Amino acid sequence: MWIDFTCEEPFAVKVYVGGINALAGEPRDADFGTLLRRSTAVDRGECIQDYLVAHKQYWIDGFAQRDGTVMQFVATPTGTGYSV
């Protein structure tokens, strides 16, 4: 499964799956661990990109985990309890 983006002008999109940001692997609602990871990244001069720019990126077909691995989107029936 993938999500296709088609647009005339660029715009930013944040994609959440099961309450997890698909690009950064962080929860939608920041907890202490999220804030600490972001603060550490800023101190190192690193960028945490938690959005994509539609127009430059045409689709997304998976989500990032905190350890950097990427998992493919898989459609499951509603109510099965399977989610990120």
PDB file of N, CA and C in Angstrom:
ATOM      1  N   MET A   1       0.846  -1.169   0.000  1.00  0.00           N
ATOM      2  CA  MET A   1       0.000   0.000   0.000  1.00  0.00           C
ATOM      3  C   MET A   1       0.890   1.230   0.000  1.00  0.00           C
ATOM      4  N   TRP A   2       0.487   2.268  -0.706  1.00  0.00           N
ATOM      5  CA  TRP A   2       1.205   3.526  -0.649  1.00  0.00           C
ATOM      6  C   TRP A   2       0.239   4.678  -0.727  1.00  0.00           C
ATOM      7  N   ILE A   3       0.687   5.836  -0.288  1.00  0.00           N
ATOM      8  CA  ILE A   3      -0.122   7.054  -0.341  1.00  0.00           C
ATOM      9  C   ILE A   3       0.498   7.939  -1.412  1.00  0.00           C
ATOM     10  N   ASP A   4      -0.294   8.299  -2.404  1.00  0.00           N
ATOM     11  CA  ASP A   4       0.163   9.075  -3.559  1.00  0.00           C
ATOM     12  C   ASP A   4      -0.176  10.546  -3.354  1.00  0.00           C
ATOM     13  N   PHE A   5       0.772  11.434  -3.648  1.00  0.00           N
ATOM     14  CA  PHE A   5       0.559  12.873  -3.543  1.00  0.00           C
ATOM     15  C   PHE A   5       0.681  13.509  -4.923  1.00  0.00           C
ATOM     16  N   THR A   6      -0.347  14.194  -5.349  1.00  0.00           N
ATOM     17  CA  THR A   6      -0.327  14.921  -6.607  1.00  0.00           C
ATOM     18  C   THR A   6      -0.793  16.334  -6.321  1.00  0.00           C
ATOM     19  N   CYS A   7       0.000  17.327  -6.714  1.00  0.00           N
ATOM     20  CA  CYS A   7      -0.379  18.713  -6.432  1.00  0.00           C
ATOM     21  C   CYS A   7       0.292  19.645  -7.435  1.00  0.00           C
ATOM     22  N   GLU A   8      -0.250  20.827  -7.536  1.00  0.00           N
ATOM     23  CA  GLU A   8       0.300  21.855  -8.418  1.00  0.00           C
ATOM     24  C   GLU A   8       1.388  22.668  -7.718  1.00  0.00           C
ATOM     25  N   GLU A   9       1.212  22.905  -6.440  1.00  0.00           N
ATOM     26  CA  GLU A   9       2.156  23.697  -5.645  1.00  0.00           C
ATOM     27  C   GLU A   9       2.666  22.849  -4.486  1.00  0.00           C
ATOM     28  N   PRO A  10       3.904  23.068  -4.036  1.00  0.00           N
ATOM     29  CA  PRO A  10       4.417  22.299  -2.909  1.00  0.00           C
ATOM     30  C   PRO A  10       3.712  22.659  -1.599  1.00  0.00           C
ATOM     31  N   PHE A  11       3.525  21.653  -0.746  1.00  0.00           N
ATOM     32  CA  PHE A  11       3.008  21.895   0.587  1.00  0.00           C
ATOM     33  C   PHE A  11       3.526  20.803   1.518  1.00  0.00           C
ATOM     34  N   ALA A  12       3.588  21.119   2.819  1.00  0.00           N
ATOM     35  CA  ALA A  12       4.092  20.175   3.814  1.00  0.00           C
ATOM     36  C   ALA A  12       2.971  19.272   4.294  1.00  0.00           C
ATOM     37  N   VAL A  13       3.309  17.999   4.497  1.00  0.00           N
ATOM     38  CA  VAL A  13       2.343  17.013   4.966  1.00  0.00           C
ATOM     39  C   VAL A  13       2.989  16.209   6.095  1.00  0.00           C
ATOM     40  N   LYS A  14       2.290  16.097   7.203  1.00  0.00           N
ATOM     41  CA  LYS A  14       2.711  15.189   8.270  1.00  0.00           C
ATOM     42  C   LYS A  14       1.807  13.973   8.191  1.00  0.00           C
ATOM     43  N   VAL A  15       2.402  12.777   8.182  1.00  0.00           N
ATOM     44  CA  VAL A  15       1.649  11.537   8.057  1.00  0.00           C
ATOM     45  C   VAL A  15       1.780  10.767   9.368  1.00  0.00           C
ATOM     46  N   TYR A  16       0.631  10.494   9.986  1.00  0.00           N
ATOM     47  CA  TYR A  16       0.604   9.723  11.228  1.00  0.00           C
ATOM     48  C   TYR A  16      -0.133   8.409  10.996  1.00  0.00           C
ATOM     49  N   VAL A  17       0.424   7.338  11.523  1.00  0.00           N
ATOM     50  CA  VAL A  17      -0.166   6.016  11.417  1.00  0.00           C
ATOM     51  C   VAL A  17      -0.238   5.450  12.834  1.00  0.00           C
ATOM     52  N   GLY A  18      -1.450   5.229  13.319  1.00  0.00           N
ATOM     53  CA  GLY A  18      -1.589   4.716  14.668  1.00  0.00           C
ATOM     54  C   GLY A  18      -0.985   5.637  15.714  1.00  0.00           C
ATOM     55  N   GLY A  19      -1.010   6.950  15.451  1.00  0.00           N
ATOM     56  CA  GLY A  19      -0.462   7.921  16.402  1.00  0.00           C
ATOM     57  C   GLY A  19       1.041   8.095  16.331  1.00  0.00           C
ATOM     58  N   ILE A  20       1.691   7.472  15.332  1.00  0.00           N
ATOM     59  CA  ILE A  20       3.138   7.571  15.159  1.00  0.00           C
ATOM     60  C   ILE A  20       3.432   8.324  13.860  1.00  0.00           C
ATOM     61  N   ASN A  21       4.353   9.294  13.924  1.00  0.00           N
ATOM     62  CA  ASN A  21       4.756  10.030  12.729  1.00  0.00           C
ATOM     63  C   ASN A  21       5.501   9.071  11.809  1.00  0.00           C
ATOM     64  N   ALA A  22       4.998   8.896  10.591  1.00  0.00           N
ATOM     65  CA  ALA A  22       5.553   7.916   9.658  1.00  0.00           C
ATOM     66  C   ALA A  22       6.968   8.259   9.204  1.00  0.00           C
ATOM     67  N   LEU A  23       7.359   9.524   9.242  1.00  0.00           N
ATOM     68  CA  LEU A  23       8.691   9.895   8.786  1.00  0.00           C
ATOM     69  C   LEU A  23       9.718   9.907   9.909  1.00  0.00           C
ATOM     70  N   ALA A  24       9.331  10.328  11.095  1.00  0.00           N
ATOM     71  CA  ALA A  24      10.273  10.448  12.205  1.00  0.00           C
ATOM     72  C   ALA A  24      10.225   9.264  13.168  1.00  0.00           C
ATOM     73  N   GLY A  25       9.120   8.497  13.140  1.00  0.00           N
ATOM     74  CA  GLY A  25       8.986   7.384  14.067  1.00  0.00           C
ATOM     75  C   GLY A  25       8.685   7.807  15.490  1.00  0.00           C
ATOM     76  N   GLU A  26       8.258   9.041  15.664  1.00  0.00           N
ATOM     77  CA  GLU A  26       7.954   9.581  16.989  1.00  0.00           C
ATOM     78  C   GLU A  26       6.450   9.624  17.207  1.00  0.00           C
ATOM     79  N   PRO A  27       6.008   9.548  18.480  1.00  0.00           N
ATOM     80  CA  PRO A  27       4.571   9.622  18.752  1.00  0.00           C
ATOM     81  C   PRO A  27       3.999  11.003  18.448  1.00  0.00           C
ATOM     82  N   ARG A  28       2.719  11.044  18.084  1.00  0.00           N
ATOM     83  CA  ARG A  28       2.042  12.318  17.809  1.00  0.00           C
ATOM     84  C   ARG A  28       2.072  13.221  19.026  1.00  0.00           C
ATOM     85  N   ASP A  29       1.790  12.654  20.183  1.00  0.00           N
ATOM     86  CA  ASP A  29       1.818  13.415  21.433  1.00  0.00           C
ATOM     87  C   ASP A  29       3.175  13.196  22.083  1.00  0.00           C
ATOM     88  N   ALA A  30       3.976  14.263  22.129  1.00  0.00           N
ATOM     89  CA  ALA A  30       5.339  14.158  22.645  1.00  0.00           C
ATOM     90  C   ALA A  30       5.347  13.741  24.113  1.00  0.00           C
ATOM     91  N   ASP A  31       6.201  12.766  24.417  1.00  0.00           N
ATOM     92  CA  ASP A  31       6.434  12.389  25.808  1.00  0.00           C
ATOM     93  C   ASP A  31       7.845  12.855  26.188  1.00  0.00           C
ATOM     94  N   PHE A  32       8.300  12.522  27.382  1.00  0.00           N
ATOM     95  CA  PHE A  32       9.616  12.975  27.821  1.00  0.00           C
ATOM     96  C   PHE A  32      10.716  12.462  26.898  1.00  0.00           C
ATOM     97  N   GLY A  33      10.605  11.195  26.467  1.00  0.00           N
ATOM     98  CA  GLY A  33      11.610  10.623  25.578  1.00  0.00           C
ATOM     99  C   GLY A  33      11.686  11.356  24.253  1.00  0.00           C
ATOM    100  N   THR A  34      10.536  11.730  23.714  1.00  0.00           N
ATOM    101  CA  THR A  34      10.491  12.482  22.458  1.00  0.00           C
ATOM    102  C   THR A  34      11.184  13.833  22.617  1.00  0.00           C
ATOM    103  N   LEU A  35      10.845  14.537  23.675  1.00  0.00           N
ATOM    104  CA  LEU A  35      11.442  15.853  23.917  1.00  0.00           C
ATOM    105  C   LEU A  35      12.948  15.742  24.109  1.00  0.00           C
ATOM    106  N   LEU A  36      13.403  14.711  24.810  1.00  0.00           N
ATOM    107  CA  LEU A  36      14.831  14.508  25.030  1.00  0.00           C
ATOM    108  C   LEU A  36      15.554  14.214  23.716  1.00  0.00           C
ATOM    109  N   ARG A  37      14.989  13.341  22.875  1.00  0.00           N
ATOM    110  CA  ARG A  37      15.609  13.029  21.582  1.00  0.00           C
ATOM    111  C   ARG A  37      15.689  14.271  20.700  1.00  0.00           C
ATOM    112  N   ARG A  38      14.624  15.068  20.672  1.00  0.00           N
ATOM    113  CA  ARG A  38      14.636  16.285  19.859  1.00  0.00           C
ATOM    114  C   ARG A  38      15.665  17.282  20.373  1.00  0.00           C
ATOM    115  N   SER A  39      15.729  17.450  21.684  1.00  0.00           N
ATOM    116  CA  SER A  39      16.689  18.374  22.282  1.00  0.00           C
ATOM    117  C   SER A  39      18.122  17.944  21.986  1.00  0.00           C
ATOM    118  N   THR A  40      18.397  16.643  22.095  1.00  0.00           N
ATOM    119  CA  THR A  40      19.730  16.117  21.803  1.00  0.00           C
ATOM    120  C   THR A  40      20.080  16.345  20.335  1.00  0.00           C
ATOM    121  N   ALA A  41      19.141  16.114  19.443  1.00  0.00           N
ATOM    122  CA  ALA A  41      19.391  16.324  18.010  1.00  0.00           C
ATOM    123  C   ALA A  41      19.694  17.791  17.715  1.00  0.00           C
ATOM    124  N   VAL A  42      18.939  18.693  18.320  1.00  0.00           N
ATOM    125  CA  VAL A  42      19.172  20.130  18.114  1.00  0.00           C
ATOM    126  C   VAL A  42      20.557  20.507  18.628  1.00  0.00           C
ATOM    127  N   ASP A  43      20.936  19.987  19.799  1.00  0.00           N
ATOM    128  CA  ASP A  43      22.265  20.273  20.354  1.00  0.00           C
ATOM    129  C   ASP A  43      23.375  19.789  19.431  1.00  0.00           C
ATOM    130  N   ARG A  44      23.138  18.716  18.709  1.00  0.00           N
ATOM    131  CA  ARG A  44      24.135  18.177  17.764  1.00  0.00           C
ATOM    132  C   ARG A  44      24.077  18.871  16.411  1.00  0.00           C
ATOM    133  N   GLY A  45      23.109  19.759  16.215  1.00  0.00           N
ATOM    134  CA  GLY A  45      22.959  20.438  14.939  1.00  0.00           C
ATOM    135  C   GLY A  45      22.260  19.580  13.898  1.00  0.00           C
ATOM    136  N   GLU A  46      21.560  18.533  14.351  1.00  0.00           N
ATOM    137  CA  GLU A  46      20.857  17.630  13.445  1.00  0.00           C
ATOM    138  C   GLU A  46      19.432  18.119  13.235  1.00  0.00           C
ATOM    139  N   CYS A  47      18.887  17.782  12.082  1.00  0.00           N
ATOM    140  CA  CYS A  47      17.515  18.144  11.741  1.00  0.00           C
ATOM    141  C   CYS A  47      16.612  16.930  11.913  1.00  0.00           C
ATOM    142  N   ILE A  48      15.480  17.123  12.568  1.00  0.00           N
ATOM    143  CA  ILE A  48      14.479  16.066  12.660  1.00  0.00           C
ATOM    144  C   ILE A  48      13.365  16.436  11.693  1.00  0.00           C
ATOM    145  N   GLN A  49      13.341  15.795  10.551  1.00  0.00           N
ATOM    146  CA  GLN A  49      12.307  16.100   9.575  1.00  0.00           C
ATOM    147  C   GLN A  49      11.142  15.154   9.792  1.00  0.00           C
ATOM    148  N   ASP A  50      10.027  15.713  10.257  1.00  0.00           N
ATOM    149  CA  ASP A  50       8.852  14.903  10.549  1.00  0.00           C
ATOM    150  C   ASP A  50       7.713  15.207   9.576  1.00  0.00           C
ATOM    151  N   TYR A  51       8.056  15.706   8.408  1.00  0.00           N
ATOM    152  CA  TYR A  51       7.073  16.026   7.379  1.00  0.00           C
ATOM    153  C   TYR A  51       7.693  15.744   6.021  1.00  0.00           C
ATOM    154  N   LEU A  52       6.860  15.625   5.005  1.00  0.00           N
ATOM    155  CA  LEU A  52       7.356  15.522   3.637  1.00  0.00           C
ATOM    156  C   LEU A  52       6.830  16.714   2.856  1.00  0.00           C
ATOM    157  N   VAL A  53       7.496  17.023   1.784  1.00  0.00           N
ATOM    158  CA  VAL A  53       7.053  18.123   0.921  1.00  0.00           C
ATOM    159  C   VAL A  53       6.427  17.510  -0.321  1.00  0.00           C
ATOM    160  N   ALA A  54       5.096  17.539  -0.358  1.00  0.00           N
ATOM    161  CA  ALA A  54       4.390  17.031  -1.531  1.00  0.00           C
ATOM    162  C   ALA A  54       4.732  17.957  -2.690  1.00  0.00           C
ATOM    163  N   HIS A  55       4.980  17.416  -3.815  1.00  0.00           N
ATOM    164  CA  HIS A  55       5.418  18.083  -5.028  1.00  0.00           C
ATOM    165  C   HIS A  55       6.850  17.640  -5.308  1.00  0.00           C
ATOM    166  N   LYS A  56       7.679  17.535  -4.277  1.00  0.00           N
ATOM    167  CA  LYS A  56       9.038  17.010  -4.433  1.00  0.00           C
ATOM    168  C   LYS A  56       9.049  15.509  -4.136  1.00  0.00           C
ATOM    169  N   GLN A  57       8.224  15.080  -3.190  1.00  0.00           N
ATOM    170  CA  GLN A  57       8.077  13.663  -2.872  1.00  0.00           C
ATOM    171  C   GLN A  57       6.694  13.251  -3.332  1.00  0.00           C
ATOM    172  N   TYR A  58       6.626  12.284  -4.224  1.00  0.00           N
ATOM    173  CA  TYR A  58       5.367  11.931  -4.863  1.00  0.00           C
ATOM    174  C   TYR A  58       4.551  10.897  -4.099  1.00  0.00           C
ATOM    175  N   TRP A  59       5.184  10.113  -3.224  1.00  0.00           N
ATOM    176  CA  TRP A  59       4.433   9.112  -2.481  1.00  0.00           C
ATOM    177  C   TRP A  59       5.191   8.731  -1.224  1.00  0.00           C
ATOM    178  N   ILE A  60       4.504   8.013  -0.369  1.00  0.00           N
ATOM    179  CA  ILE A  60       5.112   7.401   0.812  1.00  0.00           C
ATOM    180  C   ILE A  60       4.540   5.995   0.906  1.00  0.00           C
ATOM    181  N   ASP A  61       5.401   5.008   1.138  1.00  0.00           N
ATOM    182  CA  ASP A  61       4.929   3.625   1.146  1.00  0.00           C
ATOM    183  C   ASP A  61       5.320   2.864   2.414  1.00  0.00           C
ATOM    184  N   GLY A  62       5.719   3.588   3.435  1.00  0.00           N
ATOM    185  CA  GLY A  62       6.073   2.932   4.685  1.00  0.00           C
ATOM    186  C   GLY A  62       6.284   3.957   5.783  1.00  0.00           C
ATOM    187  N   PHE A  63       6.687   3.471   6.949  1.00  0.00           N
ATOM    188  CA  PHE A  63       6.915   4.373   8.070  1.00  0.00           C
ATOM    189  C   PHE A  63       8.229   4.036   8.746  1.00  0.00           C
ATOM    190  N   ALA A  64       8.839   5.064   9.344  1.00  0.00           N
ATOM    191  CA  ALA A  64      10.109   4.899  10.036  1.00  0.00           C
ATOM    192  C   ALA A  64       9.868   4.462  11.473  1.00  0.00           C
ATOM    193  N   GLN A  65      10.767   3.644  11.979  1.00  0.00           N
ATOM    194  CA  GLN A  65      10.775   3.316  13.391  1.00  0.00           C
ATOM    195  C   GLN A  65      11.876   4.124  14.055  1.00  0.00           C
ATOM    196  N   ARG A  66      11.848   4.219  15.367  1.00  0.00           N
ATOM    197  CA  ARG A  66      12.843   5.026  16.079  1.00  0.00           C
ATOM    198  C   ARG A  66      14.266   4.588  15.784  1.00  0.00           C
ATOM    199  N   ASP A  67      14.485   3.297  15.529  1.00  0.00           N
ATOM    200  CA  ASP A  67      15.852   2.819  15.276  1.00  0.00           C
ATOM    201  C   ASP A  67      16.302   3.060  13.838  1.00  0.00           C
ATOM    202  N   GLY A  68      15.434   3.693  13.023  1.00  0.00           N
ATOM    203  CA  GLY A  68      15.809   4.042  11.652  1.00  0.00           C
ATOM    204  C   GLY A  68      15.360   3.052  10.600  1.00  0.00           C
ATOM    205  N   THR A  69      14.856   1.882  10.994  1.00  0.00           N
ATOM    206  CA  THR A  69      14.357   0.942  10.001  1.00  0.00           C
ATOM    207  C   THR A  69      13.020   1.432   9.461  1.00  0.00           C
ATOM    208  N   VAL A  70      12.695   1.009   8.257  1.00  0.00           N
ATOM    209  CA  VAL A  70      11.446   1.411   7.619  1.00  0.00           C
ATOM    210  C   VAL A  70      10.592   0.180   7.390  1.00  0.00           C
ATOM    211  N   MET A  71       9.331   0.285   7.770  1.00  0.00           N
ATOM    212  CA  MET A  71       8.371  -0.806   7.606  1.00  0.00           C
ATOM    213  C   MET A  71       7.360  -0.408   6.541  1.00  0.00           C
ATOM    214  N   GLN A  72       7.010  -1.331   5.667  1.00  0.00           N
ATOM    215  CA  GLN A  72       6.062  -1.068   4.588  1.00  0.00           C
ATOM    216  C   GLN A  72       4.643  -0.978   5.138  1.00  0.00           C
ATOM    217  N   PHE A  73       3.843  -0.059   4.574  1.00  0.00           N
ATOM    218  CA  PHE A  73       2.430  -0.005   4.911  1.00  0.00           C
ATOM    219  C   PHE A  73       1.757  -1.286   4.439  1.00  0.00           C
ATOM    220  N   VAL A  74       0.902  -1.855   5.272  1.00  0.00           N
ATOM    221  CA  VAL A  74       0.137  -3.045   4.922  1.00  0.00           C
ATOM    222  C   VAL A  74      -1.308  -2.795   5.351  1.00  0.00           C
ATOM    223  N   ALA A  75      -2.237  -2.980   4.449  1.00  0.00           N
ATOM    224  CA  ALA A  75      -3.647  -2.777   4.771  1.00  0.00           C
ATOM    225  C   ALA A  75      -4.159  -3.961   5.586  1.00  0.00           C
ATOM    226  N   THR A  76      -4.906  -3.663   6.654  1.00  0.00           N
ATOM    227  CA  THR A  76      -5.529  -4.708   7.469  1.00  0.00           C
ATOM    228  C   THR A  76      -6.982  -4.323   7.720  1.00  0.00           C
ATOM    229  N   PRO A  77      -7.841  -5.287   7.957  1.00  0.00           N
ATOM    230  CA  PRO A  77      -9.244  -4.975   8.219  1.00  0.00           C
ATOM    231  C   PRO A  77      -9.409  -4.136   9.490  1.00  0.00           C
ATOM    232  N   THR A  78     -10.355  -3.236   9.474  1.00  0.00           N
ATOM    233  CA  THR A  78     -10.660  -2.416  10.635  1.00  0.00           C
ATOM    234  C   THR A  78     -11.079  -3.296  11.803  1.00  0.00           C
ATOM    235  N   GLY A  79     -10.595  -2.938  12.982  1.00  0.00           N
ATOM    236  CA  GLY A  79     -10.996  -3.652  14.186  1.00  0.00           C
ATOM    237  C   GLY A  79     -10.163  -4.881  14.516  1.00  0.00           C
ATOM    238  N   THR A  80      -9.111  -5.174  13.731  1.00  0.00           N
ATOM    239  CA  THR A  80      -8.293  -6.346  14.014  1.00  0.00           C
ATOM    240  C   THR A  80      -7.287  -6.093  15.133  1.00  0.00           C
ATOM    241  N   GLY A  81      -7.053  -4.815  15.449  1.00  0.00           N
ATOM    242  CA  GLY A  81      -6.085  -4.490  16.494  1.00  0.00           C
ATOM    243  C   GLY A  81      -4.669  -4.344  16.000  1.00  0.00           C
ATOM    244  N   TYR A  82      -4.452  -4.547  14.694  1.00  0.00           N
ATOM    245  CA  TYR A  82      -3.122  -4.377  14.131  1.00  0.00           C
ATOM    246  C   TYR A  82      -2.893  -2.912  13.802  1.00  0.00           C
ATOM    247  N   SER A  83      -1.801  -2.373  14.275  1.00  0.00           N
ATOM    248  CA  SER A  83      -1.452  -0.978  14.020  1.00  0.00           C
ATOM    249  C   SER A  83       0.009  -0.787  14.373  1.00  0.00           C
ATOM    250  N   VAL A  84       0.502   0.373  14.087  1.00  0.00           N
ATOM    251  CA  VAL A  84       1.856   0.717  14.473  1.00  0.00           C
ATOM    252  C   VAL A  84       1.934   0.688  15.973  1.00  0.00           C
TER     253      VAL A  84
END
